[in-house]
Structures are given as structure tokens and as C-alpha cells.
PDB file of N, CA and C in Angstrom:
ATOM      1  N   UNK A   1      73.168 -65.433  19.044  1.00  0.00           N
ATOM      2  CA  UNK A   1      73.069 -66.791  19.546  1.00  0.00           C
ATOM      3  C   UNK A   1      72.643 -67.718  18.409  1.00  0.00           C
ATOM      4  N   UNK A   2      73.275 -68.848  18.343  1.00  0.00           N
ATOM      5  CA  UNK A   2      72.956 -69.851  17.332  1.00  0.00           C
ATOM      6  C   UNK A   2      71.626 -70.525  17.670  1.00  0.00           C
ATOM      7  N   UNK A   3      70.860 -70.868  16.639  1.00  0.00           N
ATOM      8  CA  UNK A   3      69.594 -71.583  16.849  1.00  0.00           C
ATOM      9  C   UNK A   3      69.876 -73.011  17.279  1.00  0.00           C
ATOM     10  N   UNK A   4      69.150 -73.455  18.285  1.00  0.00           N
ATOM     11  CA  UNK A   4      69.237 -74.844  18.735  1.00  0.00           C
ATOM     12  C   UNK A   4      67.932 -75.543  18.381  1.00  0.00           C
ATOM     13  N   UNK A   5      68.039 -76.778  17.925  1.00  0.00           N
ATOM     14  CA  UNK A   5      66.867 -77.537  17.502  1.00  0.00           C
ATOM     15  C   UNK A   5      66.371 -78.434  18.624  1.00  0.00           C
ATOM     16  N   UNK A   6      65.053 -78.520  18.720  1.00  0.00           N
ATOM     17  CA  UNK A   6      64.395 -79.476  19.602  1.00  0.00           C
ATOM     18  C   UNK A   6      63.577 -80.379  18.682  1.00  0.00           C
ATOM     19  N   UNK A   7      63.913 -81.644  18.664  1.00  0.00           N
ATOM     20  CA  UNK A   7      63.281 -82.581  17.739  1.00  0.00           C
ATOM     21  C   UNK A   7      61.937 -83.072  18.269  1.00  0.00           C
ATOM     22  N   UNK A   8      61.178 -83.673  17.369  1.00  0.00           N
ATOM     23  CA  UNK A   8      59.797 -84.071  17.635  1.00  0.00           C
ATOM     24  C   UNK A   8      59.648 -84.912  18.909  1.00  0.00           C
ATOM     25  N   UNK A   9      60.506 -85.892  19.114  1.00  0.00           N
ATOM     26  CA  UNK A   9      60.374 -86.739  20.300  1.00  0.00           C
ATOM     27  C   UNK A   9      60.564 -85.930  21.572  1.00  0.00           C
ATOM     28  N   UNK A  10      61.466 -84.965  21.562  1.00  0.00           N
ATOM     29  CA  UNK A  10      61.651 -84.118  22.738  1.00  0.00           C
ATOM     30  C   UNK A  10      60.449 -83.202  22.962  1.00  0.00           C
ATOM     31  N   UNK A  11      59.808 -82.757  21.890  1.00  0.00           N
ATOM     32  CA  UNK A  11      58.587 -81.960  22.029  1.00  0.00           C
ATOM     33  C   UNK A  11      57.501 -82.810  22.687  1.00  0.00           C
ATOM     34  N   UNK A  12      57.366 -84.040  22.247  1.00  0.00           N
ATOM     35  CA  UNK A  12      56.390 -84.957  22.845  1.00  0.00           C
ATOM     36  C   UNK A  12      56.715 -85.192  24.318  1.00  0.00           C
ATOM     37  N   UNK A  13      57.982 -85.419  24.629  1.00  0.00           N
ATOM     38  CA  UNK A  13      58.396 -85.613  26.022  1.00  0.00           C
ATOM     39  C   UNK A  13      58.075 -84.381  26.861  1.00  0.00           C
ATOM     40  N   UNK A  14      58.332 -83.198  26.293  1.00  0.00           N
ATOM     41  CA  UNK A  14      58.056 -81.946  27.004  1.00  0.00           C
ATOM     42  C   UNK A  14      56.572 -81.822  27.325  1.00  0.00           C
ATOM     43  N   UNK A  15      55.724 -82.179  26.379  1.00  0.00           N
ATOM     44  CA  UNK A  15      54.275 -82.116  26.595  1.00  0.00           C
ATOM     45  C   UNK A  15      53.861 -83.113  27.675  1.00  0.00           C
ATOM     46  N   UNK A  16      54.411 -84.320  27.630  1.00  0.00           N
ATOM     47  CA  UNK A  16      54.094 -85.334  28.644  1.00  0.00           C
ATOM     48  C   UNK A  16      54.460 -84.838  30.042  1.00  0.00           C
ATOM     49  N   UNK A  17      55.619 -84.249  30.186  1.00  0.00           N
ATOM     50  CA  UNK A  17      56.064 -83.733  31.486  1.00  0.00           C
ATOM     51  C   UNK A  17      55.183 -82.567  31.933  1.00  0.00           C
ATOM     52  N   UNK A  18      54.883 -81.671  31.013  1.00  0.00           N
ATOM     53  CA  UNK A  18      54.036 -80.510  31.310  1.00  0.00           C
ATOM     54  C   UNK A  18      52.657 -80.946  31.795  1.00  0.00           C
ATOM     55  N   UNK A  19      52.025 -81.858  31.073  1.00  0.00           N
ATOM     56  CA  UNK A  19      50.687 -82.340  31.445  1.00  0.00           C
ATOM     57  C   UNK A  19      50.742 -83.120  32.755  1.00  0.00           C
ATOM     58  N   UNK A  20      51.766 -83.939  32.912  1.00  0.00           N
ATOM     59  CA  UNK A  20      51.909 -84.714  34.149  1.00  0.00           C
ATOM     60  C   UNK A  20      52.046 -83.793  35.357  1.00  0.00           C
ATOM     61  N   UNK A  21      52.856 -82.763  35.246  1.00  0.00           N
ATOM     62  CA  UNK A  21      53.022 -81.818  36.350  1.00  0.00           C
ATOM     63  C   UNK A  21      51.729 -81.053  36.618  1.00  0.00           C
ATOM     64  N   UNK A  22      51.022 -80.712  35.571  1.00  0.00           N
ATOM     65  CA  UNK A  22      49.781 -79.933  35.698  1.00  0.00           C
ATOM     66  C   UNK A  22      48.658 -80.738  36.355  1.00  0.00           C
ATOM     67  N   UNK A  23      48.569 -82.029  36.043  1.00  0.00           N
ATOM     68  CA  UNK A  23      47.478 -82.867  36.534  1.00  0.00           C
ATOM     69  C   UNK A  23      47.912 -83.892  37.590  1.00  0.00           C
ATOM     70  N   UNK A  24      49.164 -83.791  38.070  1.00  0.00           N
ATOM     71  CA  UNK A  24      49.670 -84.667  39.126  1.00  0.00           C
ATOM     72  C   UNK A  24      49.566 -86.147  38.762  1.00  0.00           C
ATOM     73  N   UNK A  25      50.020 -86.457  37.564  1.00  0.00           N
ATOM     74  CA  UNK A  25      50.082 -87.841  37.107  1.00  0.00           C
ATOM     75  C   UNK A  25      51.502 -88.115  36.632  1.00  0.00           C
ATOM     76  N   UNK A  26      51.768 -89.326  36.222  1.00  0.00           N
ATOM     77  CA  UNK A  26      53.086 -89.689  35.700  1.00  0.00           C
ATOM     78  C   UNK A  26      53.162 -89.366  34.205  1.00  0.00           C
ATOM     79  N   UNK A  27      54.310 -88.916  33.707  1.00  0.00           N
ATOM     80  CA  UNK A  27      54.447 -88.637  32.270  1.00  0.00           C
ATOM     81  C   UNK A  27      54.081 -89.837  31.397  1.00  0.00           C
ATOM     82  N   UNK A  28      54.311 -91.039  31.897  1.00  0.00           N
ATOM     83  CA  UNK A  28      54.005 -92.252  31.142  1.00  0.00           C
ATOM     84  C   UNK A  28      52.505 -92.446  30.930  1.00  0.00           C
ATOM     85  N   UNK A  29      51.691 -91.718  31.684  1.00  0.00           N
ATOM     86  CA  UNK A  29      50.242 -91.825  31.572  1.00  0.00           C
ATOM     87  C   UNK A  29      49.674 -90.902  30.492  1.00  0.00           C
ATOM     88  N   UNK A  30      50.555 -90.165  29.817  1.00  0.00           N
ATOM     89  CA  UNK A  30      50.130 -89.195  28.813  1.00  0.00           C
ATOM     90  C   UNK A  30      50.552 -89.687  27.431  1.00  0.00           C
ATOM     91  N   UNK A  31      49.624 -89.664  26.502  1.00  0.00           N
ATOM     92  CA  UNK A  31      49.894 -90.004  25.104  1.00  0.00           C
ATOM     93  C   UNK A  31      49.717 -88.738  24.274  1.00  0.00           C
ATOM     94  N   UNK A  32      50.643 -88.494  23.334  1.00  0.00           N
ATOM     95  CA  UNK A  32      50.630 -87.247  22.570  1.00  0.00           C
ATOM     96  C   UNK A  32      50.715 -87.528  21.080  1.00  0.00           C
ATOM     97  N   UNK A  33      49.894 -86.828  20.311  1.00  0.00           N
ATOM     98  CA  UNK A  33      50.010 -86.813  18.858  1.00  0.00           C
ATOM     99  C   UNK A  33      50.140 -85.363  18.421  1.00  0.00           C
ATOM    100  N   UNK A  34      51.278 -85.035  17.807  1.00  0.00           N
ATOM    101  CA  UNK A  34      51.481 -83.682  17.293  1.00  0.00           C
ATOM    102  C   UNK A  34      50.770 -83.533  15.960  1.00  0.00           C
ATOM    103  N   UNK A  35      50.221 -82.345  15.711  1.00  0.00           N
ATOM    104  CA  UNK A  35      49.425 -82.106  14.514  1.00  0.00           C
ATOM    105  C   UNK A  35      49.854 -80.790  13.877  1.00  0.00           C
ATOM    106  N   UNK A  36      49.903 -80.796  12.555  1.00  0.00           N
ATOM    107  CA  UNK A  36      50.067 -79.544  11.817  1.00  0.00           C
ATOM    108  C   UNK A  36      48.987 -79.482  10.755  1.00  0.00           C
ATOM    109  N   UNK A  37      48.319 -78.337  10.686  1.00  0.00           N
ATOM    110  CA  UNK A  37      47.286 -78.095   9.695  1.00  0.00           C
ATOM    111  C   UNK A  37      47.587 -76.755   9.040  1.00  0.00           C
ATOM    112  N   UNK A  38      47.488 -76.703   7.699  1.00  0.00           N
ATOM    113  CA  UNK A  38      47.790 -75.461   6.984  1.00  0.00           C
ATOM    114  C   UNK A  38      46.939 -74.289   7.455  1.00  0.00           C
ATOM    115  N   UNK A  39      45.708 -74.557   7.846  1.00  0.00           N
ATOM    116  CA  UNK A  39      44.805 -73.478   8.254  1.00  0.00           C
ATOM    117  C   UNK A  39      44.970 -73.089   9.722  1.00  0.00           C
ATOM    118  N   UNK A  40      45.103 -74.081  10.588  1.00  0.00           N
ATOM    119  CA  UNK A  40      45.119 -73.767  12.025  1.00  0.00           C
ATOM    120  C   UNK A  40      46.505 -73.831  12.661  1.00  0.00           C
ATOM    121  N   UNK A  41      47.515 -74.292  11.932  1.00  0.00           N
ATOM    122  CA  UNK A  41      48.875 -74.325  12.463  1.00  0.00           C
ATOM    123  C   UNK A  41      49.161 -75.559  13.303  1.00  0.00           C
ATOM    124  N   UNK A  42      49.971 -75.374  14.332  1.00  0.00           N
ATOM    125  CA  UNK A  42      50.432 -76.474  15.178  1.00  0.00           C
ATOM    126  C   UNK A  42      49.483 -76.695  16.344  1.00  0.00           C
ATOM    127  N   UNK A  43      49.323 -77.954  16.709  1.00  0.00           N
ATOM    128  CA  UNK A  43      48.527 -78.319  17.876  1.00  0.00           C
ATOM    129  C   UNK A  43      48.926 -79.733  18.286  1.00  0.00           C
ATOM    130  N   UNK A  44      48.298 -80.214  19.329  1.00  0.00           N
ATOM    131  CA  UNK A  44      48.541 -81.583  19.775  1.00  0.00           C
ATOM    132  C   UNK A  44      47.255 -82.131  20.371  1.00  0.00           C
ATOM    133  N   UNK A  45      47.095 -83.433  20.218  1.00  0.00           N
ATOM    134  CA  UNK A  45      46.004 -84.134  20.867  1.00  0.00           C
ATOM    135  C   UNK A  45      46.634 -85.007  21.928  1.00  0.00           C
ATOM    136  N   UNK A  46      46.186 -84.835  23.157  1.00  0.00           N
ATOM    137  CA  UNK A  46      46.732 -85.647  24.239  1.00  0.00           C
ATOM    138  C   UNK A  46      45.633 -86.523  24.815  1.00  0.00           C
ATOM    139  N   UNK A  47      46.060 -87.668  25.307  1.00  0.00           N
ATOM    140  CA  UNK A  47      45.148 -88.570  25.981  1.00  0.00           C
ATOM    141  C   UNK A  47      45.742 -88.912  27.328  1.00  0.00           C
ATOM    142  N   UNK A  48      44.923 -88.768  28.352  1.00  0.00           N
ATOM    143  CA  UNK A  48      45.334 -89.115  29.717  1.00  0.00           C
ATOM    144  C   UNK A  48      44.103 -89.525  30.501  1.00  0.00           C
ATOM    145  N   UNK A  49      44.245 -90.521  31.300  1.00  0.00           N
ATOM    146  CA  UNK A  49      43.130 -90.976  32.146  1.00  0.00           C
ATOM    147  C   UNK A  49      41.831 -91.104  31.354  1.00  0.00           C
ATOM    148  N   UNK A  50      41.918 -91.698  30.172  1.00  0.00           N
ATOM    149  CA  UNK A  50      40.745 -91.906  29.302  1.00  0.00           C
ATOM    150  C   UNK A  50      40.069 -90.606  28.874  1.00  0.00           C
ATOM    151  N   UNK A  51      40.803 -89.505  28.906  1.00  0.00           N
ATOM    152  CA  UNK A  51      40.300 -88.213  28.427  1.00  0.00           C
ATOM    153  C   UNK A  51      41.155 -87.769  27.249  1.00  0.00           C
ATOM    154  N   UNK A  52      40.514 -87.125  26.297  1.00  0.00           N
ATOM    155  CA  UNK A  52      41.243 -86.557  25.161  1.00  0.00           C
ATOM    156  C   UNK A  52      41.119 -85.044  25.243  1.00  0.00           C
ATOM    157  N   UNK A  53      42.242 -84.376  25.023  1.00  0.00           N
ATOM    158  CA  UNK A  53      42.281 -82.917  25.118  1.00  0.00           C
ATOM    159  C   UNK A  53      43.103 -82.369  23.963  1.00  0.00           C
ATOM    160  N   UNK A  54      42.716 -81.214  23.466  1.00  0.00           N
ATOM    161  CA  UNK A  54      43.457 -80.538  22.401  1.00  0.00           C
ATOM    162  C   UNK A  54      44.322 -79.438  23.012  1.00  0.00           C
ATOM    163  N   UNK A  55      45.553 -79.338  22.544  1.00  0.00           N
ATOM    164  CA  UNK A  55      46.435 -78.253  22.955  1.00  0.00           C
ATOM    165  C   UNK A  55      46.714 -77.368  21.753  1.00  0.00           C
ATOM    166  N   UNK A  56      46.651 -76.078  21.963  1.00  0.00           N
ATOM    167  CA  UNK A  56      46.935 -75.119  20.898  1.00  0.00           C
ATOM    168  C   UNK A  56      48.447 -74.899  20.788  1.00  0.00           C
ATOM    169  N   UNK A  57      48.842 -74.141  19.777  1.00  0.00           N
ATOM    170  CA  UNK A  57      50.259 -73.813  19.598  1.00  0.00           C
ATOM    171  C   UNK A  57      50.796 -73.076  20.820  1.00  0.00           C
ATOM    172  N   UNK A  58      49.992 -72.219  21.401  1.00  0.00           N
ATOM    173  CA  UNK A  58      50.403 -71.489  22.602  1.00  0.00           C
ATOM    174  C   UNK A  58      50.702 -72.469  23.735  1.00  0.00           C
ATOM    175  N   UNK A  59      49.861 -73.490  23.880  1.00  0.00           N
ATOM    176  CA  UNK A  59      50.085 -74.507  24.901  1.00  0.00           C
ATOM    177  C   UNK A  59      51.356 -75.303  24.635  1.00  0.00           C
ATOM    178  N   UNK A  60      51.649 -75.567  23.359  1.00  0.00           N
ATOM    179  CA  UNK A  60      52.880 -76.299  23.012  1.00  0.00           C
ATOM    180  C   UNK A  60      54.104 -75.486  23.423  1.00  0.00           C
ATOM    181  N   UNK A  61      54.072 -74.197  23.144  1.00  0.00           N
ATOM    182  CA  UNK A  61      55.186 -73.316  23.526  1.00  0.00           C
ATOM    183  C   UNK A  61      55.312 -73.270  25.050  1.00  0.00           C
ATOM    184  N   UNK A  62      54.190 -73.188  25.732  1.00  0.00           N
ATOM    185  CA  UNK A  62      54.189 -73.189  27.197  1.00  0.00           C
ATOM    186  C   UNK A  62      54.805 -74.482  27.737  1.00  0.00           C
ATOM    187  N   UNK A  63      54.449 -75.610  27.137  1.00  0.00           N
ATOM    188  CA  UNK A  63      55.012 -76.902  27.550  1.00  0.00           C
ATOM    189  C   UNK A  63      56.516 -76.941  27.311  1.00  0.00           C
ATOM    190  N   UNK A  64      56.958 -76.432  26.174  1.00  0.00           N
ATOM    191  CA  UNK A  64      58.395 -76.396  25.884  1.00  0.00           C
ATOM    192  C   UNK A  64      59.135 -75.489  26.873  1.00  0.00           C
ATOM    193  N   UNK A  65      58.563 -74.356  27.201  1.00  0.00           N
ATOM    194  CA  UNK A  65      59.186 -73.452  28.175  1.00  0.00           C
ATOM    195  C   UNK A  65      59.283 -74.131  29.549  1.00  0.00           C
ATOM    196  N   UNK A  66      58.241 -74.824  29.939  1.00  0.00           N
ATOM    197  CA  UNK A  66      58.246 -75.565  31.210  1.00  0.00           C
ATOM    198  C   UNK A  66      59.358 -76.617  31.203  1.00  0.00           C
ATOM    199  N   UNK A  67      59.456 -77.355  30.110  1.00  0.00           N
ATOM    200  CA  UNK A  67      60.476 -78.406  29.955  1.00  0.00           C
ATOM    201  C   UNK A  67      61.886 -77.820  30.002  1.00  0.00           C
ATOM    202  N   UNK A  68      62.098 -76.710  29.313  1.00  0.00           N
ATOM    203  CA  UNK A  68      63.418 -76.073  29.328  1.00  0.00           C
ATOM    204  C   UNK A  68      63.800 -75.640  30.740  1.00  0.00           C
ATOM    205  N   UNK A  69      62.829 -75.093  31.477  1.00  0.00           N
ATOM    206  CA  UNK A  69      63.092 -74.661  32.863  1.00  0.00           C
ATOM    207  C   UNK A  69      63.374 -75.840  33.778  1.00  0.00           C
ATOM    208  N   UNK A  70      62.479 -76.832  33.768  1.00  0.00           N
ATOM    209  CA  UNK A  70      62.568 -77.907  34.757  1.00  0.00           C
ATOM    210  C   UNK A  70      63.605 -78.973  34.423  1.00  0.00           C
ATOM    211  N   UNK A  71      63.734 -79.320  33.158  1.00  0.00           N
ATOM    212  CA  UNK A  71      64.628 -80.414  32.771  1.00  0.00           C
ATOM    213  C   UNK A  71      66.025 -79.957  32.379  1.00  0.00           C
ATOM    214  N   UNK A  72      66.150 -78.698  31.945  1.00  0.00           N
ATOM    215  CA  UNK A  72      67.450 -78.238  31.446  1.00  0.00           C
ATOM    216  C   UNK A  72      67.988 -77.006  32.164  1.00  0.00           C
ATOM    217  N   UNK A  73      67.211 -76.462  33.092  1.00  0.00           N
ATOM    218  CA  UNK A  73      67.671 -75.304  33.846  1.00  0.00           C
ATOM    219  C   UNK A  73      67.883 -74.055  33.000  1.00  0.00           C
ATOM    220  N   UNK A  74      67.172 -73.956  31.889  1.00  0.00           N
ATOM    221  CA  UNK A  74      67.297 -72.808  30.987  1.00  0.00           C
ATOM    222  C   UNK A  74      66.197 -71.811  31.317  1.00  0.00           C
ATOM    223  N   UNK A  75      66.573 -70.541  31.444  1.00  0.00           N
ATOM    224  CA  UNK A  75      65.566 -69.495  31.623  1.00  0.00           C
ATOM    225  C   UNK A  75      64.844 -69.336  30.298  1.00  0.00           C
ATOM    226  N   UNK A  76      63.716 -70.007  30.174  1.00  0.00           N
ATOM    227  CA  UNK A  76      63.028 -70.087  28.886  1.00  0.00           C
ATOM    228  C   UNK A  76      62.422 -68.765  28.444  1.00  0.00           C
ATOM    229  N   UNK A  77      62.285 -67.830  29.366  1.00  0.00           N
ATOM    230  CA  UNK A  77      61.739 -66.531  28.977  1.00  0.00           C
ATOM    231  C   UNK A  77      62.803 -65.662  28.306  1.00  0.00           C
ATOM    232  N   UNK A  78      64.050 -66.103  28.360  1.00  0.00           N
ATOM    233  CA  UNK A  78      65.126 -65.335  27.741  1.00  0.00           C
ATOM    234  C   UNK A  78      65.454 -65.833  26.327  1.00  0.00           C
ATOM    235  N   UNK A  79      64.698 -66.814  25.839  1.00  0.00           N
ATOM    236  CA  UNK A  79      64.922 -67.340  24.491  1.00  0.00           C
ATOM    237  C   UNK A  79      63.643 -67.241  23.671  1.00  0.00           C
ATOM    238  N   UNK A  80      63.799 -67.153  22.376  1.00  0.00           N
ATOM    239  CA  UNK A  80      62.658 -67.186  21.459  1.00  0.00           C
ATOM    240  C   UNK A  80      62.443 -68.628  21.019  1.00  0.00           C
ATOM    241  N   UNK A  81      61.196 -69.053  20.973  1.00  0.00           N
ATOM    242  CA  UNK A  81      60.844 -70.406  20.526  1.00  0.00           C
ATOM    243  C   UNK A  81      59.967 -70.306  19.296  1.00  0.00           C
ATOM    244  N   UNK A  82      60.278 -71.136  18.303  1.00  0.00           N
ATOM    245  CA  UNK A  82      59.513 -71.138  17.060  1.00  0.00           C
ATOM    246  C   UNK A  82      59.314 -72.571  16.592  1.00  0.00           C
ATOM    247  N   UNK A  83      58.077 -72.928  16.276  1.00  0.00           N
ATOM    248  CA  UNK A  83      57.769 -74.264  15.759  1.00  0.00           C
ATOM    249  C   UNK A  83      57.841 -74.243  14.238  1.00  0.00           C
ATOM    250  N   UNK A  84      58.370 -75.328  13.667  1.00  0.00           N
ATOM    251  CA  UNK A  84      58.464 -75.462  12.215  1.00  0.00           C
ATOM    252  C   UNK A  84      58.154 -76.901  11.830  1.00  0.00           C
ATOM    253  N   UNK A  85      57.626 -77.069  10.623  1.00  0.00           N
ATOM    254  CA  UNK A  85      57.360 -78.393  10.068  1.00  0.00           C
ATOM    255  C   UNK A  85      58.434 -78.705   9.039  1.00  0.00           C
ATOM    256  N   UNK A  86      59.090 -79.871   9.195  1.00  0.00           N
ATOM    257  CA  UNK A  86      60.135 -80.301   8.268  1.00  0.00           C
ATOM    258  C   UNK A  86      59.751 -81.646   7.667  1.00  0.00           C
ATOM    259  N   UNK A  87      59.998 -81.793   6.378  1.00  0.00           N
ATOM    260  CA  UNK A  87      59.642 -83.029   5.683  1.00  0.00           C
ATOM    261  C   UNK A  87      60.302 -84.258   6.293  1.00  0.00           C
ATOM    262  N   UNK A  88      61.582 -84.155   6.622  1.00  0.00           N
ATOM    263  CA  UNK A  88      62.325 -85.305   7.116  1.00  0.00           C
ATOM    264  C   UNK A  88      62.190 -85.526   8.628  1.00  0.00           C
ATOM    265  N   UNK A  89      62.163 -84.449   9.385  1.00  0.00           N
ATOM    266  CA  UNK A  89      62.216 -84.543  10.850  1.00  0.00           C
ATOM    267  C   UNK A  89      60.852 -84.387  11.525  1.00  0.00           C
ATOM    268  N   UNK A  90      59.844 -83.991  10.799  1.00  0.00           N
ATOM    269  CA  UNK A  90      58.537 -83.761  11.410  1.00  0.00           C
ATOM    270  C   UNK A  90      58.483 -82.374  12.029  1.00  0.00           C
ATOM    271  N   UNK A  91      57.759 -82.258  13.111  1.00  0.00           N
ATOM    272  CA  UNK A  91      57.628 -80.969  13.798  1.00  0.00           C
ATOM    273  C   UNK A  91      58.849 -80.774  14.688  1.00  0.00           C
ATOM    274  N   UNK A  92      59.430 -79.587  14.572  1.00  0.00           N
ATOM    275  CA  UNK A  92      60.610 -79.247  15.361  1.00  0.00           C
ATOM    276  C   UNK A  92      60.391 -77.873  15.967  1.00  0.00           C
ATOM    277  N   UNK A  93      61.121 -77.619  17.054  1.00  0.00           N
ATOM    278  CA  UNK A  93      61.127 -76.296  17.658  1.00  0.00           C
ATOM    279  C   UNK A  93      62.559 -75.785  17.606  1.00  0.00           C
ATOM    280  N   UNK A  94      62.670 -74.488  17.392  1.00  0.00           N
ATOM    281  CA  UNK A  94      63.992 -73.854  17.385  1.00  0.00           C
ATOM    282  C   UNK A  94      64.003 -72.772  18.445  1.00  0.00           C
ATOM    283  N   UNK A  95      65.082 -72.760  19.230  1.00  0.00           N
ATOM    284  CA  UNK A  95      65.216 -71.693  20.187  1.00  0.00           C
ATOM    285  C   UNK A  95      66.453 -70.878  19.866  1.00  0.00           C
ATOM    286  N   UNK A  96      66.318 -69.602  20.065  1.00  0.00           N
ATOM    287  CA  UNK A  96      67.449 -68.696  19.790  1.00  0.00           C
ATOM    288  C   UNK A  96      67.466 -67.590  20.826  1.00  0.00           C
TER     289      UNK A  96
END
């Protein structure tokens, strides 16, 4: 199977939908900043309802799997997901 790319904005959208579904709020109520650190890897800082929360890389993958299932009808457990940092595109996810 060929690798398919998920670009940074779609990752942010996936996190917004995941958090909104989890906390019964609207996706528009969620603000996301993706983070990459050489020591700790990928993460995200989200803000919702005047609360700030950190998401780990595992949570990002979980959010992407949720998004693939709910928004695209893809059985996300049948694909591999990998996050990568690119100079031009920012943080991207690849599924294969």
C-alpha cells in the first residue's frame, strides 16, 4: 500500500474533532498548537473552555485514528500511522 499523507491542518482538525467528541463541545471551541521537541517528540497543547491540556504522541495518534474512522470511514486499526516533522510542511502523519 502506498503511503498517504495527512497534513498539519488536518491533524489539527482531527484533534479538534476528537476533543470535541470526548468533552461534548463543538470543534470550534478547541484551539490546538502542535509541538515537536527533539527530546520528547510530538505533542500538542490544546485549549478549551479556558483550560489548557497537553496531549502526548499517543493521544495524537488516537485522535487521528478517531478522525479516520468518523470522518473518512477508514478502519484505522488496519493502517499504520507515523508522525514526521518536515521543514516545509510542518508536522505530518503518514498512513500505510
